[in-house]
């Protein structure tokens, strides 16, 4: 499969603030700005920061127009999401994503930006970065190193089913967003070479079950090579409980397929949200209490 990887960032490159979702104020992204300046990058497209149109920085059409200009601008090497939340899906089809094939740029974000990452992978096989938005950044992040080679991971897990070793393309993100894309051209038709990553925040446990069963009935969960669980944060239940945990639901819905399933991957809405190359090919090994993902990518070549 041919994949497209943007060129590694270089000192002096321009990073634009990507705002498909909620509005963000200057004070909320000051840490990210300081990091970019310290690492030698230029920052562009600041005029929408601090603007508010209800929950968004701009109305739908204006947000899409701004992003289209950013995609067209050859001086911009990376689009870093200012804030997630909501708002990306209504403008997804207004954006001229094909321009990224002509001149690939790095895009980084998560949460609501899952829709962008999956759309770009499905339609253009573009490698993006699932990682913190500017508003959430709380620790140093080396963008030069991050865009030069994909990071690999090794971690301890509290929940493991079917230990083993598989290889595939590592894609996914927020479960609610993946669920919202079912039946659209923003999700792959063929999941057979996919290692699926999911995470969630601020959801009811019954809805997590509903979404997972929907992915199962849509043929996604039966087809993948492995399932990786990130953080499931602030999960709620009713006064009369559902009677199941997230892990119990995962076991019931996906455990029957026999592929490796592992929890505690360090990404999502929890305290740790490590960036990874979304769409990179990886070797994935699961033992009895630990897991390892080794990512690699062949730039613009067959993999």
C-alpha atoms as a PDB file:
ATOM      1  CA  UNK A   1       0.000   0.000   0.000  1.00  0.00           C
ATOM      2  CA  UNK A   2       1.285   3.448  -0.921  1.00  0.00           C
ATOM      3  CA  UNK A   3       1.326   5.944   1.942  1.00  0.00           C
ATOM      4  CA  UNK A   4       2.158   9.651   1.902  1.00  0.00           C
ATOM      5  CA  UNK A   5       4.349  11.121   4.615  1.00  0.00           C
ATOM      6  CA  UNK A   6       4.944  14.890   4.810  1.00  0.00           C
ATOM      7  CA  UNK A   7       8.556  16.066   4.869  1.00  0.00           C
ATOM      8  CA  UNK A   8      10.147  16.328   8.325  1.00  0.00           C
ATOM      9  CA  UNK A   9       9.897  19.772   9.850  1.00  0.00           C
ATOM     10  CA  UNK A  10      12.967  22.011   9.702  1.00  0.00           C
ATOM     11  CA  UNK A  11      14.031  25.022  11.724  1.00  0.00           C
ATOM     12  CA  UNK A  12      12.238  28.106  10.484  1.00  0.00           C
ATOM     13  CA  UNK A  13       9.216  26.212   9.117  1.00  0.00           C
ATOM     14  CA  UNK A  14       5.802  27.756   9.613  1.00  0.00           C
ATOM     15  CA  UNK A  15       3.213  26.100  11.879  1.00  0.00           C
ATOM     16  CA  UNK A  16      -0.380  27.298  11.519  1.00  0.00           C
ATOM     17  CA  UNK A  17      -3.100  27.109  14.169  1.00  0.00           C
ATOM     18  CA  UNK A  18      -5.710  24.634  12.894  1.00  0.00           C
ATOM     19  CA  UNK A  19      -9.232  25.519  14.077  1.00  0.00           C
ATOM     20  CA  UNK A  20     -11.907  23.196  12.665  1.00  0.00           C
ATOM     21  CA  UNK A  21     -13.566  22.766  16.070  1.00  0.00           C
ATOM     22  CA  UNK A  22     -14.023  24.891  19.206  1.00  0.00           C
ATOM     23  CA  UNK A  23     -12.749  28.410  19.745  1.00  0.00           C
ATOM     24  CA  UNK A  24      -9.523  29.010  21.637  1.00  0.00           C
ATOM     25  CA  UNK A  25      -8.068  32.090  23.358  1.00  0.00           C
ATOM     26  CA  UNK A  26      -4.451  33.271  23.317  1.00  0.00           C
ATOM     27  CA  UNK A  27      -3.909  32.503  27.007  1.00  0.00           C
ATOM     28  CA  UNK A  28      -4.968  28.879  26.507  1.00  0.00           C
ATOM     29  CA  UNK A  29      -2.267  28.130  23.930  1.00  0.00           C
ATOM     30  CA  UNK A  30       0.576  30.285  25.226  1.00  0.00           C
ATOM     31  CA  UNK A  31       2.599  27.251  26.335  1.00  0.00           C
ATOM     32  CA  UNK A  32       2.401  25.770  22.830  1.00  0.00           C
ATOM     33  CA  UNK A  33       3.417  29.127  21.317  1.00  0.00           C
ATOM     34  CA  UNK A  34       6.445  29.344  23.573  1.00  0.00           C
ATOM     35  CA  UNK A  35       7.448  25.793  22.651  1.00  0.00           C
ATOM     36  CA  UNK A  36       7.219  26.557  18.935  1.00  0.00           C
ATOM     37  CA  UNK A  37       9.316  29.708  19.296  1.00  0.00           C
ATOM     38  CA  UNK A  38      11.906  27.927  21.421  1.00  0.00           C
ATOM     39  CA  UNK A  39      12.235  25.159  18.828  1.00  0.00           C
ATOM     40  CA  UNK A  40      12.765  27.664  16.020  1.00  0.00           C
ATOM     41  CA  UNK A  41       9.409  27.626  14.237  1.00  0.00           C
ATOM     42  CA  UNK A  42       7.346  30.485  12.895  1.00  0.00           C
ATOM     43  CA  UNK A  43       3.657  30.724  13.852  1.00  0.00           C
ATOM     44  CA  UNK A  44       1.054  31.771  11.288  1.00  0.00           C
ATOM     45  CA  UNK A  45      -2.702  32.381  10.988  1.00  0.00           C
ATOM     46  CA  UNK A  46      -3.376  33.957  14.363  1.00  0.00           C
ATOM     47  CA  UNK A  47      -6.322  36.145  13.408  1.00  0.00           C
ATOM     48  CA  UNK A  48      -9.003  33.560  14.333  1.00  0.00           C
ATOM     49  CA  UNK A  49      -7.582  33.023  17.818  1.00  0.00           C
ATOM     50  CA  UNK A  50      -9.712  34.729  20.432  1.00  0.00           C
ATOM     51  CA  UNK A  51     -12.715  35.000  18.135  1.00  0.00           C
ATOM     52  CA  UNK A  52     -15.999  33.450  19.212  1.00  0.00           C
ATOM     53  CA  UNK A  53     -19.060  32.507  17.196  1.00  0.00           C
ATOM     54  CA  UNK A  54     -21.057  30.556  19.778  1.00  0.00           C
ATOM     55  CA  UNK A  55     -18.740  27.592  20.559  1.00  0.00           C
ATOM     56  CA  UNK A  56     -16.654  28.071  17.414  1.00  0.00           C
ATOM     57  CA  UNK A  57     -14.094  30.673  16.358  1.00  0.00           C
ATOM     58  CA  UNK A  58     -16.013  31.324  13.114  1.00  0.00           C
ATOM     59  CA  UNK A  59     -19.181  30.104  11.364  1.00  0.00           C
ATOM     60  CA  UNK A  60     -18.931  26.843   9.442  1.00  0.00           C
ATOM     61  CA  UNK A  61     -18.278  28.348   6.010  1.00  0.00           C
ATOM     62  CA  UNK A  62     -15.676  30.777   7.344  1.00  0.00           C
ATOM     63  CA  UNK A  63     -13.833  28.023   9.258  1.00  0.00           C
ATOM     64  CA  UNK A  64     -13.729  25.863   6.147  1.00  0.00           C
ATOM     65  CA  UNK A  65     -12.517  28.798   4.024  1.00  0.00           C
ATOM     66  CA  UNK A  66      -9.708  29.501   6.496  1.00  0.00           C
ATOM     67  CA  UNK A  67      -8.590  25.859   6.426  1.00  0.00           C
ATOM     68  CA  UNK A  68      -8.696  25.762   2.627  1.00  0.00           C
ATOM     69  CA  UNK A  69      -6.413  28.788   2.537  1.00  0.00           C
ATOM     70  CA  UNK A  70      -4.048  27.071   4.970  1.00  0.00           C
ATOM     71  CA  UNK A  71      -3.951  23.961   2.777  1.00  0.00           C
ATOM     72  CA  UNK A  72      -3.200  26.121  -0.266  1.00  0.00           C
ATOM     73  CA  UNK A  73      -0.463  28.131   1.458  1.00  0.00           C
ATOM     74  CA  UNK A  74       2.856  26.551   0.465  1.00  0.00           C
ATOM     75  CA  UNK A  75       4.690  28.377   3.266  1.00  0.00           C
ATOM     76  CA  UNK A  76       2.843  26.341   5.935  1.00  0.00           C
ATOM     77  CA  UNK A  77       4.431  22.998   6.857  1.00  0.00           C
ATOM     78  CA  UNK A  78       2.184  21.920   9.738  1.00  0.00           C
ATOM     79  CA  UNK A  79      -1.356  22.477  10.980  1.00  0.00           C
ATOM     80  CA  UNK A  80      -1.547  22.048  14.740  1.00  0.00           C
ATOM     81  CA  UNK A  81      -5.038  21.935  16.189  1.00  0.00           C
ATOM     82  CA  UNK A  82      -5.817  24.680  18.673  1.00  0.00           C
ATOM     83  CA  UNK A  83      -8.671  22.856  20.388  1.00  0.00           C
ATOM     84  CA  UNK A  84     -10.927  19.861  19.814  1.00  0.00           C
ATOM     85  CA  UNK A  85     -14.406  19.331  21.246  1.00  0.00           C
ATOM     86  CA  UNK A  86     -16.915  19.589  18.418  1.00  0.00           C
ATOM     87  CA  UNK A  87     -17.457  21.253  15.078  1.00  0.00           C
ATOM     88  CA  UNK A  88     -15.185  19.315  12.728  1.00  0.00           C
ATOM     89  CA  UNK A  89     -17.747  16.936  11.243  1.00  0.00           C
ATOM     90  CA  UNK A  90     -20.114  19.637   9.870  1.00  0.00           C
ATOM     91  CA  UNK A  91     -17.315  21.180   7.788  1.00  0.00           C
ATOM     92  CA  UNK A  92     -15.439  18.015   6.790  1.00  0.00           C
ATOM     93  CA  UNK A  93     -16.895  17.944   3.268  1.00  0.00           C
ATOM     94  CA  UNK A  94     -16.362  21.682   2.719  1.00  0.00           C
ATOM     95  CA  UNK A  95     -12.581  21.316   2.896  1.00  0.00           C
ATOM     96  CA  UNK A  96     -10.418  20.666  -0.172  1.00  0.00           C
ATOM     97  CA  UNK A  97      -8.318  17.897   1.348  1.00  0.00           C
ATOM     98  CA  UNK A  98      -6.949  16.849  -2.046  1.00  0.00           C
ATOM     99  CA  UNK A  99      -4.564  19.813  -1.795  1.00  0.00           C
ATOM    100  CA  UNK A 100      -2.614  17.815   0.780  1.00  0.00           C
ATOM    101  CA  UNK A 101      -1.759  15.273  -1.883  1.00  0.00           C
ATOM    102  CA  UNK A 102      -0.176  18.016  -4.010  1.00  0.00           C
ATOM    103  CA  UNK A 103       1.827  19.382  -1.066  1.00  0.00           C
ATOM    104  CA  UNK A 104       1.576  17.232   2.071  1.00  0.00           C
ATOM    105  CA  UNK A 105       1.543  18.995   5.433  1.00  0.00           C
ATOM    106  CA  UNK A 106       1.619  17.578   8.924  1.00  0.00           C
ATOM    107  CA  UNK A 107      -1.686  17.718  10.797  1.00  0.00           C
ATOM    108  CA  UNK A 108      -1.768  17.040  14.544  1.00  0.00           C
ATOM    109  CA  UNK A 109      -4.742  16.693  16.851  1.00  0.00           C
ATOM    110  CA  UNK A 110      -7.072  14.192  18.497  1.00  0.00           C
ATOM    111  CA  UNK A 111     -10.594  13.964  19.953  1.00  0.00           C
ATOM    112  CA  UNK A 112     -12.902  15.685  17.422  1.00  0.00           C
ATOM    113  CA  UNK A 113      -9.974  15.779  14.969  1.00  0.00           C
ATOM    114  CA  UNK A 114     -10.249  11.981  14.699  1.00  0.00           C
ATOM    115  CA  UNK A 115     -12.623  12.714  11.807  1.00  0.00           C
ATOM    116  CA  UNK A 116      -9.847  14.523   9.912  1.00  0.00           C
ATOM    117  CA  UNK A 117      -7.197  11.888  10.623  1.00  0.00           C
ATOM    118  CA  UNK A 118      -9.415   9.039   9.463  1.00  0.00           C
ATOM    119  CA  UNK A 119     -10.726  10.919   6.422  1.00  0.00           C
ATOM    120  CA  UNK A 120      -7.191  11.684   5.253  1.00  0.00           C
ATOM    121  CA  UNK A 121      -6.037   8.113   5.809  1.00  0.00           C
ATOM    122  CA  UNK A 122      -9.059   6.579   4.090  1.00  0.00           C
ATOM    123  CA  UNK A 123      -9.010   8.799   1.014  1.00  0.00           C
ATOM    124  CA  UNK A 124      -5.362   9.757   0.571  1.00  0.00           C
ATOM    125  CA  UNK A 125      -3.308   7.395   2.769  1.00  0.00           C
ATOM    126  CA  UNK A 126      -1.810  10.489   4.376  1.00  0.00           C
ATOM    127  CA  UNK A 127       0.163   9.985   7.577  1.00  0.00           C
ATOM    128  CA  UNK A 128      -0.932  12.435  10.287  1.00  0.00           C
ATOM    129  CA  UNK A 129      -0.212  12.744  14.009  1.00  0.00           C
ATOM    130  CA  UNK A 130      -2.682  11.736  16.687  1.00  0.00           C
ATOM    131  CA  UNK A 131      -1.460  13.926  19.509  1.00  0.00           C
ATOM    132  CA  UNK A 132      -2.223  16.769  21.891  1.00  0.00           C
ATOM    133  CA  UNK A 133      -3.929  19.930  20.712  1.00  0.00           C
ATOM    134  CA  UNK A 134      -2.298  23.247  21.581  1.00  0.00           C
ATOM    135  CA  UNK A 135      -4.732  23.937  24.409  1.00  0.00           C
ATOM    136  CA  UNK A 136      -3.928  20.638  26.140  1.00  0.00           C
ATOM    137  CA  UNK A 137      -0.150  20.784  25.866  1.00  0.00           C
ATOM    138  CA  UNK A 138       1.473  20.621  29.304  1.00  0.00           C
ATOM    139  CA  UNK A 139       4.936  19.213  28.618  1.00  0.00           C
ATOM    140  CA  UNK A 140       7.757  19.526  26.141  1.00  0.00           C
ATOM    141  CA  UNK A 141       7.206  18.044  22.693  1.00  0.00           C
ATOM    142  CA  UNK A 142      10.041  17.794  20.165  1.00  0.00           C
ATOM    143  CA  UNK A 143       8.372  18.436  16.815  1.00  0.00           C
ATOM    144  CA  UNK A 144      11.588  18.061  14.833  1.00  0.00           C
ATOM    145  CA  UNK A 145      12.089  14.550  16.188  1.00  0.00           C
ATOM    146  CA  UNK A 146       8.382  13.671  16.043  1.00  0.00           C
ATOM    147  CA  UNK A 147       8.159  14.419  12.306  1.00  0.00           C
ATOM    148  CA  UNK A 148      11.467  12.733  11.477  1.00  0.00           C
ATOM    149  CA  UNK A 149      10.548   9.192  12.490  1.00  0.00           C
ATOM    150  CA  UNK A 150       7.520   7.514  14.072  1.00  0.00           C
ATOM    151  CA  UNK A 151       7.724   6.861  17.819  1.00  0.00           C
ATOM    152  CA  UNK A 152       7.426   3.347  19.218  1.00  0.00           C
ATOM    153  CA  UNK A 153       5.867   2.292  22.512  1.00  0.00           C
ATOM    154  CA  UNK A 154       6.134  -0.299  25.238  1.00  0.00           C
ATOM    155  CA  UNK A 155       3.740  -0.321  28.187  1.00  0.00           C
ATOM    156  CA  UNK A 156       2.150  -2.338  30.973  1.00  0.00           C
ATOM    157  CA  UNK A 157      -1.539  -3.212  30.638  1.00  0.00           C
ATOM    158  CA  UNK A 158      -4.195  -4.159  33.153  1.00  0.00           C
ATOM    159  CA  UNK A 159      -6.447  -5.800  30.552  1.00  0.00           C
ATOM    160  CA  UNK A 160      -5.203  -8.215  27.887  1.00  0.00           C
ATOM    161  CA  UNK A 161      -7.000 -10.744  25.736  1.00  0.00           C
ATOM    162  CA  UNK A 162      -5.455 -13.174  23.261  1.00  0.00           C
ATOM    163  CA  UNK A 163      -1.710 -12.410  23.539  1.00  0.00           C
ATOM    164  CA  UNK A 164       0.121 -12.593  20.250  1.00  0.00           C
ATOM    165  CA  UNK A 165       1.933 -10.703  17.511  1.00  0.00           C
ATOM    166  CA  UNK A 166       0.392  -9.040  14.454  1.00  0.00           C
ATOM    167  CA  UNK A 167       1.283  -6.313  11.941  1.00  0.00           C
ATOM    168  CA  UNK A 168      -0.934  -3.648  10.425  1.00  0.00           C
ATOM    169  CA  UNK A 169      -1.750   0.006   9.944  1.00  0.00           C
ATOM    170  CA  UNK A 170      -2.362   1.772  13.258  1.00  0.00           C
ATOM    171  CA  UNK A 171      -5.413   4.039  12.938  1.00  0.00           C
ATOM    172  CA  UNK A 172      -8.341   5.190  15.030  1.00  0.00           C
ATOM    173  CA  UNK A 173      -9.014   7.710  17.758  1.00  0.00           C
ATOM    174  CA  UNK A 174     -12.065   8.823  19.671  1.00  0.00           C
ATOM    175  CA  UNK A 175     -14.739   6.124  19.737  1.00  0.00           C
ATOM    176  CA  UNK A 176     -17.677   8.544  19.436  1.00  0.00           C
ATOM    177  CA  UNK A 177     -16.182  10.100  16.317  1.00  0.00           C
ATOM    178  CA  UNK A 178     -15.414   6.725  14.718  1.00  0.00           C
ATOM    179  CA  UNK A 179     -19.030   5.712  15.442  1.00  0.00           C
ATOM    180  CA  UNK A 180     -20.286   8.936  13.819  1.00  0.00           C
ATOM    181  CA  UNK A 181     -18.359   8.160  10.612  1.00  0.00           C
ATOM    182  CA  UNK A 182     -19.801   4.670  10.040  1.00  0.00           C
ATOM    183  CA  UNK A 183     -21.366   4.485   6.575  1.00  0.00           C
ATOM    184  CA  UNK A 184     -19.417   7.492   5.254  1.00  0.00           C
ATOM    185  CA  UNK A 185     -16.436   7.824   2.927  1.00  0.00           C
ATOM    186  CA  UNK A 186     -14.293   8.824   5.900  1.00  0.00           C
ATOM    187  CA  UNK A 187     -13.800   5.243   7.073  1.00  0.00           C
ATOM    188  CA  UNK A 188     -12.026   2.431   5.188  1.00  0.00           C
ATOM    189  CA  UNK A 189     -14.072  -0.181   3.396  1.00  0.00           C
ATOM    190  CA  UNK A 190     -11.398  -2.782   4.079  1.00  0.00           C
ATOM    191  CA  UNK A 191     -10.236  -3.199   7.683  1.00  0.00           C
ATOM    192  CA  UNK A 192      -8.237  -6.394   7.264  1.00  0.00           C
ATOM    193  CA  UNK A 193      -4.807  -4.751   7.662  1.00  0.00           C
ATOM    194  CA  UNK A 194      -5.831  -2.421  10.506  1.00  0.00           C
ATOM    195  CA  UNK A 195      -4.842  -2.324  14.150  1.00  0.00           C
ATOM    196  CA  UNK A 196      -7.625  -0.198  15.619  1.00  0.00           C
ATOM    197  CA  UNK A 197      -7.040   2.288  18.438  1.00  0.00           C
ATOM    198  CA  UNK A 198      -9.992   3.657  20.441  1.00  0.00           C
ATOM    199  CA  UNK A 199     -10.336   6.010  23.410  1.00  0.00           C
ATOM    200  CA  UNK A 200     -13.221   7.874  25.036  1.00  0.00           C
ATOM    201  CA  UNK A 201     -14.108  10.608  27.516  1.00  0.00           C
ATOM    202  CA  UNK A 202     -17.235  11.819  29.337  1.00  0.00           C
ATOM    203  CA  UNK A 203     -19.572   9.130  28.046  1.00  0.00           C
ATOM    204  CA  UNK A 204     -22.153   6.841  29.621  1.00  0.00           C
ATOM    205  CA  UNK A 205     -21.223   3.195  29.803  1.00  0.00           C
ATOM    206  CA  UNK A 206     -24.388   2.149  27.955  1.00  0.00           C
ATOM    207  CA  UNK A 207     -23.409   4.368  25.030  1.00  0.00           C
ATOM    208  CA  UNK A 208     -19.957   2.807  24.883  1.00  0.00           C
ATOM    209  CA  UNK A 209     -21.667  -0.574  24.569  1.00  0.00           C
ATOM    210  CA  UNK A 210     -23.983   0.799  21.864  1.00  0.00           C
ATOM    211  CA  UNK A 211     -21.061   2.223  19.855  1.00  0.00           C
ATOM    212  CA  UNK A 212     -18.972  -0.940  20.090  1.00  0.00           C
ATOM    213  CA  UNK A 213     -21.895  -3.133  19.074  1.00  0.00           C
ATOM    214  CA  UNK A 214     -22.467  -0.799  16.109  1.00  0.00           C
ATOM    215  CA  UNK A 215     -18.821  -1.167  15.028  1.00  0.00           C
ATOM    216  CA  UNK A 216     -19.272  -4.910  15.355  1.00  0.00           C
ATOM    217  CA  UNK A 217     -22.458  -4.981  13.284  1.00  0.00           C
ATOM    218  CA  UNK A 218     -20.841  -2.727  10.662  1.00  0.00           C
ATOM    219  CA  UNK A 219     -18.169  -5.379  10.107  1.00  0.00           C
ATOM    220  CA  UNK A 220     -15.304  -3.355  11.557  1.00  0.00           C
ATOM    221  CA  UNK A 221     -14.521  -5.303  14.717  1.00  0.00           C
ATOM    222  CA  UNK A 222     -14.742  -8.715  13.014  1.00  0.00           C
ATOM    223  CA  UNK A 223     -12.195  -7.620  10.378  1.00  0.00           C
ATOM    224  CA  UNK A 224      -9.357  -5.876  12.240  1.00  0.00           C
ATOM    225  CA  UNK A 225      -6.076  -7.485  13.287  1.00  0.00           C
ATOM    226  CA  UNK A 226      -5.995  -6.139  16.857  1.00  0.00           C
ATOM    227  CA  UNK A 227      -7.714  -3.676  19.186  1.00  0.00           C
ATOM    228  CA  UNK A 228      -5.787  -1.171  21.297  1.00  0.00           C
ATOM    229  CA  UNK A 229      -7.536   0.722  24.090  1.00  0.00           C
ATOM    230  CA  UNK A 230      -6.320   4.135  25.148  1.00  0.00           C
ATOM    231  CA  UNK A 231      -7.734   6.017  28.110  1.00  0.00           C
ATOM    232  CA  UNK A 232     -11.430   5.790  28.951  1.00  0.00           C
ATOM    233  CA  UNK A 233     -11.835   8.847  31.158  1.00  0.00           C
ATOM    234  CA  UNK A 234     -14.823  10.120  33.182  1.00  0.00           C
ATOM    235  CA  UNK A 235     -17.107   7.261  32.172  1.00  0.00           C
ATOM    236  CA  UNK A 236     -20.550   7.553  33.757  1.00  0.00           C
ATOM    237  CA  UNK A 237     -23.324   5.200  34.773  1.00  0.00           C
ATOM    238  CA  UNK A 238     -26.923   5.709  35.864  1.00  0.00           C
ATOM    239  CA  UNK A 239     -28.315   5.372  39.368  1.00  0.00           C
ATOM    240  CA  UNK A 240     -29.457   1.922  38.294  1.00  0.00           C
ATOM    241  CA  UNK A 241     -26.159   0.688  36.837  1.00  0.00           C
ATOM    242  CA  UNK A 242     -25.710  -1.100  33.536  1.00  0.00           C
ATOM    243  CA  UNK A 243     -23.813  -3.803  35.396  1.00  0.00           C
ATOM    244  CA  UNK A 244     -20.801  -3.889  33.088  1.00  0.00           C
ATOM    245  CA  UNK A 245     -17.391  -2.245  32.919  1.00  0.00           C
ATOM    246  CA  UNK A 246     -15.673  -1.069  29.745  1.00  0.00           C
ATOM    247  CA  UNK A 247     -13.420  -4.118  29.825  1.00  0.00           C
ATOM    248  CA  UNK A 248     -16.386  -6.472  30.239  1.00  0.00           C
ATOM    249  CA  UNK A 249     -18.085  -4.902  27.227  1.00  0.00           C
ATOM    250  CA  UNK A 250     -14.903  -5.184  25.160  1.00  0.00           C
ATOM    251  CA  UNK A 251     -14.610  -8.857  26.126  1.00  0.00           C
ATOM    252  CA  UNK A 252     -18.236  -9.553  25.149  1.00  0.00           C
ATOM    253  CA  UNK A 253     -18.220  -7.649  21.860  1.00  0.00           C
ATOM    254  CA  UNK A 254     -14.701  -8.169  20.491  1.00  0.00           C
ATOM    255  CA  UNK A 255     -13.119 -10.943  22.562  1.00  0.00           C
ATOM    256  CA  UNK A 256     -14.734 -13.666  20.473  1.00  0.00           C
ATOM    257  CA  UNK A 257     -12.619 -12.827  17.409  1.00  0.00           C
ATOM    258  CA  UNK A 258      -9.367 -14.099  18.884  1.00  0.00           C
ATOM    259  CA  UNK A 259      -7.095 -11.201  17.949  1.00  0.00           C
ATOM    260  CA  UNK A 260      -4.952  -9.376  20.542  1.00  0.00           C
ATOM    261  CA  UNK A 261      -6.723  -6.768  22.669  1.00  0.00           C
ATOM    262  CA  UNK A 262      -4.830  -4.607  25.129  1.00  0.00           C
ATOM    263  CA  UNK A 263      -5.589  -1.612  27.353  1.00  0.00           C
ATOM    264  CA  UNK A 264      -3.622   1.332  28.735  1.00  0.00           C
ATOM    265  CA  UNK A 265      -2.026   2.589  25.530  1.00  0.00           C
ATOM    266  CA  UNK A 266      -0.739   6.045  26.565  1.00  0.00           C
ATOM    267  CA  UNK A 267      -3.009   8.190  24.395  1.00  0.00           C
ATOM    268  CA  UNK A 268      -6.420   9.807  24.684  1.00  0.00           C
ATOM    269  CA  UNK A 269      -8.136  12.199  27.075  1.00  0.00           C
ATOM    270  CA  UNK A 270      -6.364  10.904  30.182  1.00  0.00           C
ATOM    271  CA  UNK A 271      -3.372  12.315  32.012  1.00  0.00           C
ATOM    272  CA  UNK A 272      -1.015  11.039  29.283  1.00  0.00           C
ATOM    273  CA  UNK A 273      -1.538  11.651  25.582  1.00  0.00           C
ATOM    274  CA  UNK A 274       1.565  10.592  23.700  1.00  0.00           C
ATOM    275  CA  UNK A 275       1.668  11.477  19.998  1.00  0.00           C
ATOM    276  CA  UNK A 276       1.878   8.753  17.373  1.00  0.00           C
ATOM    277  CA  UNK A 277       1.900   8.578  13.586  1.00  0.00           C
ATOM    278  CA  UNK A 278      -1.684   7.850  12.584  1.00  0.00           C
ATOM    279  CA  UNK A 279      -1.610   5.395   9.689  1.00  0.00           C
ATOM    280  CA  UNK A 280       1.923   4.121  10.195  1.00  0.00           C
ATOM    281  CA  UNK A 281       2.556   0.423   9.677  1.00  0.00           C
ATOM    282  CA  UNK A 282       3.591  -1.299  12.883  1.00  0.00           C
ATOM    283  CA  UNK A 283       4.513  -4.573  14.508  1.00  0.00           C
ATOM    284  CA  UNK A 284       2.329  -5.129  17.549  1.00  0.00           C
ATOM    285  CA  UNK A 285       3.229  -7.668  20.243  1.00  0.00           C
ATOM    286  CA  UNK A 286       1.139  -8.490  23.293  1.00  0.00           C
ATOM    287  CA  UNK A 287       2.427 -10.587  26.172  1.00  0.00           C
ATOM    288  CA  UNK A 288       0.722 -11.654  29.376  1.00  0.00           C
ATOM    289  CA  UNK A 289       1.036  -8.249  31.063  1.00  0.00           C
ATOM    290  CA  UNK A 290       2.734  -5.912  28.616  1.00  0.00           C
ATOM    291  CA  UNK A 291       2.547  -4.739  25.016  1.00  0.00           C
ATOM    292  CA  UNK A 292       4.815  -3.212  22.401  1.00  0.00           C
ATOM    293  CA  UNK A 293       4.166  -1.253  19.214  1.00  0.00           C
ATOM    294  CA  UNK A 294       7.077  -0.671  16.845  1.00  0.00           C
ATOM    295  CA  UNK A 295       6.101   1.789  14.105  1.00  0.00           C
ATOM    296  CA  UNK A 296       7.783   2.324  10.770  1.00  0.00           C
ATOM    297  CA  UNK A 297       6.953   4.019   7.488  1.00  0.00           C
ATOM    298  CA  UNK A 298       8.394   3.972   3.980  1.00  0.00           C
ATOM    299  CA  UNK A 299       8.010   7.488   2.644  1.00  0.00           C
ATOM    300  CA  UNK A 300       6.091   7.541  -0.632  1.00  0.00           C
ATOM    301  CA  UNK A 301       6.946   3.915  -1.369  1.00  0.00           C
ATOM    302  CA  UNK A 302       5.084   0.678  -1.383  1.00  0.00           C
ATOM    303  CA  UNK A 303       4.868  -0.890   2.090  1.00  0.00           C
END
